[in-house]
Amino acid sequence: MIRSLAAWSPSPASASSSWVHLRTCQTCGVTLCCDSSPNRHTTRHAQISGHPVVASAETGERWLYCYPDDAFAEY
């Protein structure tokens, strides 16, 4: 089932708010803010899109997180 991604798209106001770390969706490649950031866009994207795995987009970090399994893996 394809769902609209409009519900999670950052608005201009939220896009200008602060973020802590970035995560990249391994299904579609979008890079969004992490759960430590006020808007938690990566988790919202995973919930709405059904895309299960993200990777850290931070320099020097090499790990993946799977939402359905609540599991981290280094690579």
N, C-alpha and C. Protein backbone atom coordinates (compact mmCIF):
# COMPACT_ATOMS: atom_id res chain seq x y z
N MET A 1 0.84 -1.18 0.00
CA MET A 1 0.00 0.00 0.00
C MET A 1 0.88 1.24 0.00
N ILE A 2 0.62 2.16 -0.89
CA ILE A 2 1.36 3.41 -0.95
C ILE A 2 0.61 4.46 -0.15
N ARG A 3 1.33 5.11 0.74
CA ARG A 3 0.72 6.15 1.56
C ARG A 3 1.29 7.50 1.17
N SER A 4 0.51 8.53 1.35
CA SER A 4 0.99 9.88 1.09
C SER A 4 2.06 10.24 2.10
N LEU A 5 3.14 10.81 1.62
CA LEU A 5 4.20 11.24 2.52
C LEU A 5 4.02 12.69 2.94
N ALA A 6 2.97 13.35 2.48
CA ALA A 6 2.75 14.75 2.81
C ALA A 6 2.61 14.97 4.31
N ALA A 7 2.10 13.99 5.02
CA ALA A 7 1.86 14.14 6.46
C ALA A 7 3.15 14.29 7.26
N TRP A 8 4.28 13.78 6.76
CA TRP A 8 5.52 13.88 7.52
C TRP A 8 6.46 14.94 6.98
N SER A 9 6.16 15.52 5.82
CA SER A 9 7.08 16.47 5.21
C SER A 9 7.30 17.67 6.11
N PRO A 10 8.55 18.03 6.36
CA PRO A 10 8.83 19.18 7.21
C PRO A 10 8.28 20.46 6.60
N SER A 11 7.65 21.27 7.41
CA SER A 11 7.17 22.57 6.94
C SER A 11 8.34 23.54 6.97
N PRO A 12 8.23 24.68 6.28
CA PRO A 12 9.33 25.64 6.33
C PRO A 12 9.70 26.05 7.75
N ALA A 13 8.71 26.18 8.63
CA ALA A 13 8.99 26.57 10.01
C ALA A 13 9.78 25.49 10.74
N SER A 14 9.38 24.23 10.56
CA SER A 14 10.08 23.16 11.26
C SER A 14 11.44 22.90 10.65
N ALA A 15 11.58 23.16 9.35
CA ALA A 15 12.86 22.95 8.70
C ALA A 15 13.91 23.92 9.23
N SER A 16 13.46 25.07 9.73
CA SER A 16 14.41 26.05 10.25
C SER A 16 14.69 25.85 11.74
N SER A 17 13.95 24.95 12.40
CA SER A 17 14.20 24.71 13.82
C SER A 17 15.48 23.90 13.99
N SER A 18 15.97 23.86 15.21
CA SER A 18 17.24 23.18 15.46
C SER A 18 17.08 21.66 15.38
N TRP A 19 18.18 20.99 15.03
CA TRP A 19 18.20 19.53 15.01
C TRP A 19 19.49 19.07 15.67
N VAL A 20 19.47 17.85 16.17
CA VAL A 20 20.62 17.32 16.90
C VAL A 20 21.48 16.45 16.00
N HIS A 21 20.90 15.40 15.41
CA HIS A 21 21.62 14.49 14.52
C HIS A 21 20.74 14.19 13.32
N LEU A 22 21.36 13.72 12.24
CA LEU A 22 20.60 13.38 11.04
C LEU A 22 20.66 11.89 10.78
N ARG A 23 19.57 11.36 10.23
CA ARG A 23 19.44 9.95 9.88
C ARG A 23 18.96 9.87 8.43
N THR A 24 19.44 8.85 7.69
CA THR A 24 19.07 8.68 6.29
C THR A 24 18.27 7.40 6.11
N CYS A 25 17.09 7.53 5.51
CA CYS A 25 16.24 6.38 5.21
C CYS A 25 16.93 5.50 4.18
N GLN A 26 17.03 4.21 4.45
CA GLN A 26 17.70 3.28 3.55
C GLN A 26 16.79 2.79 2.43
N THR A 27 15.52 3.19 2.45
CA THR A 27 14.61 2.83 1.38
C THR A 27 14.56 3.91 0.31
N CYS A 28 14.39 5.17 0.72
CA CYS A 28 14.20 6.24 -0.26
C CYS A 28 15.32 7.28 -0.26
N GLY A 29 16.20 7.26 0.74
CA GLY A 29 17.34 8.16 0.76
C GLY A 29 17.13 9.53 1.38
N VAL A 30 15.94 9.81 1.87
CA VAL A 30 15.69 11.10 2.50
C VAL A 30 16.45 11.18 3.82
N THR A 31 17.02 12.35 4.12
CA THR A 31 17.76 12.57 5.36
C THR A 31 16.98 13.54 6.22
N LEU A 32 16.70 13.12 7.45
CA LEU A 32 15.85 13.89 8.37
C LEU A 32 16.44 13.89 9.77
N CYS A 33 15.85 14.68 10.67
CA CYS A 33 16.37 14.80 12.03
C CYS A 33 15.98 13.60 12.90
N CYS A 34 16.80 13.37 13.94
CA CYS A 34 16.63 12.22 14.83
C CYS A 34 15.63 12.49 15.94
N ASP A 35 15.42 11.49 16.80
CA ASP A 35 14.47 11.61 17.91
C ASP A 35 14.93 12.57 19.00
N SER A 36 16.18 12.91 19.05
CA SER A 36 16.66 13.89 20.02
C SER A 36 16.36 15.32 19.57
N SER A 37 15.96 15.48 18.32
CA SER A 37 15.58 16.78 17.78
C SER A 37 14.10 17.02 18.06
N PRO A 38 13.68 18.28 18.16
CA PRO A 38 12.29 18.58 18.53
C PRO A 38 11.22 17.96 17.62
N ASN A 39 11.48 17.87 16.33
CA ASN A 39 10.43 17.44 15.40
C ASN A 39 10.42 15.94 15.07
N ARG A 40 11.48 15.24 15.39
CA ARG A 40 11.55 13.78 15.21
C ARG A 40 11.09 13.32 13.82
N HIS A 41 11.56 13.99 12.78
CA HIS A 41 11.09 13.69 11.42
C HIS A 41 11.41 12.28 10.95
N THR A 42 12.56 11.72 11.35
CA THR A 42 12.91 10.38 10.88
C THR A 42 11.92 9.34 11.37
N THR A 43 11.55 9.39 12.64
CA THR A 43 10.57 8.43 13.18
C THR A 43 9.21 8.62 12.52
N ARG A 44 8.79 9.86 12.34
CA ARG A 44 7.50 10.12 11.68
C ARG A 44 7.52 9.57 10.26
N HIS A 45 8.63 9.75 9.55
CA HIS A 45 8.76 9.22 8.20
C HIS A 45 8.64 7.70 8.20
N ALA A 46 9.33 7.04 9.11
CA ALA A 46 9.27 5.57 9.19
C ALA A 46 7.86 5.08 9.49
N GLN A 47 7.17 5.75 10.40
CA GLN A 47 5.80 5.34 10.76
C GLN A 47 4.83 5.50 9.60
N ILE A 48 4.92 6.61 8.89
CA ILE A 48 3.96 6.90 7.83
C ILE A 48 4.30 6.17 6.53
N SER A 49 5.59 6.10 6.19
CA SER A 49 5.99 5.49 4.92
C SER A 49 6.12 3.98 4.99
N GLY A 50 6.38 3.47 6.20
CA GLY A 50 6.65 2.04 6.34
C GLY A 50 8.08 1.67 5.99
N HIS A 51 8.93 2.67 5.77
CA HIS A 51 10.34 2.41 5.48
C HIS A 51 11.03 2.05 6.80
N PRO A 52 11.54 0.83 6.93
CA PRO A 52 11.93 0.33 8.25
C PRO A 52 13.33 0.68 8.75
N VAL A 53 14.28 0.99 7.86
CA VAL A 53 15.68 1.10 8.30
C VAL A 53 16.26 2.48 7.99
N VAL A 54 16.97 3.04 8.98
CA VAL A 54 17.69 4.29 8.80
C VAL A 54 19.15 4.08 9.17
N ALA A 55 20.00 4.93 8.61
CA ALA A 55 21.42 4.92 8.95
C ALA A 55 21.80 6.29 9.50
N SER A 56 22.76 6.32 10.39
CA SER A 56 23.26 7.60 10.86
C SER A 56 23.90 8.33 9.70
N ALA A 57 23.65 9.63 9.61
CA ALA A 57 24.27 10.46 8.59
C ALA A 57 25.42 11.29 9.18
N GLU A 58 25.82 10.92 10.39
CA GLU A 58 26.87 11.66 11.09
C GLU A 58 28.25 11.13 10.68
N THR A 59 29.18 12.04 10.48
CA THR A 59 30.55 11.67 10.14
C THR A 59 31.14 10.78 11.23
N GLY A 60 31.72 9.67 10.81
CA GLY A 60 32.36 8.75 11.75
C GLY A 60 31.43 7.72 12.38
N GLU A 61 30.13 7.85 12.18
CA GLU A 61 29.18 6.87 12.72
C GLU A 61 28.78 5.91 11.60
N ARG A 62 28.82 4.61 11.88
CA ARG A 62 28.48 3.60 10.88
C ARG A 62 27.54 2.59 11.52
N TRP A 63 26.26 2.96 11.61
CA TRP A 63 25.26 2.06 12.18
C TRP A 63 23.92 2.25 11.50
N LEU A 64 23.12 1.20 11.60
CA LEU A 64 21.75 1.19 11.07
C LEU A 64 20.80 0.94 12.22
N TYR A 65 19.56 1.40 12.07
CA TYR A 65 18.52 1.12 13.05
C TYR A 65 17.29 0.61 12.31
N CYS A 66 16.72 -0.49 12.79
CA CYS A 66 15.51 -1.07 12.22
C CYS A 66 14.35 -0.79 13.17
N TYR A 67 13.38 0.01 12.72
CA TYR A 67 12.23 0.36 13.57
C TYR A 67 11.39 -0.85 13.97
N PRO A 68 10.97 -1.72 13.04
CA PRO A 68 10.10 -2.84 13.45
C PRO A 68 10.76 -3.77 14.47
N ASP A 69 12.08 -3.97 14.34
CA ASP A 69 12.79 -4.87 15.25
C ASP A 69 13.39 -4.15 16.46
N ASP A 70 13.33 -2.81 16.46
CA ASP A 70 13.94 -2.01 17.53
C ASP A 70 15.37 -2.47 17.77
N ALA A 71 16.15 -2.52 16.67
CA ALA A 71 17.50 -3.08 16.74
C ALA A 71 18.51 -2.22 15.99
N PHE A 72 19.71 -2.09 16.57
CA PHE A 72 20.83 -1.40 15.95
C PHE A 72 21.81 -2.43 15.40
N ALA A 73 22.52 -2.05 14.34
CA ALA A 73 23.59 -2.89 13.80
C ALA A 73 24.69 -1.98 13.27
N GLU A 74 25.92 -2.29 13.60
CA GLU A 74 27.05 -1.55 13.06
C GLU A 74 27.45 -2.15 11.73
N TYR A 75 28.04 -1.32 10.88
CA TYR A 75 28.55 -1.81 9.59
C TYR A 75 29.89 -1.19 9.30
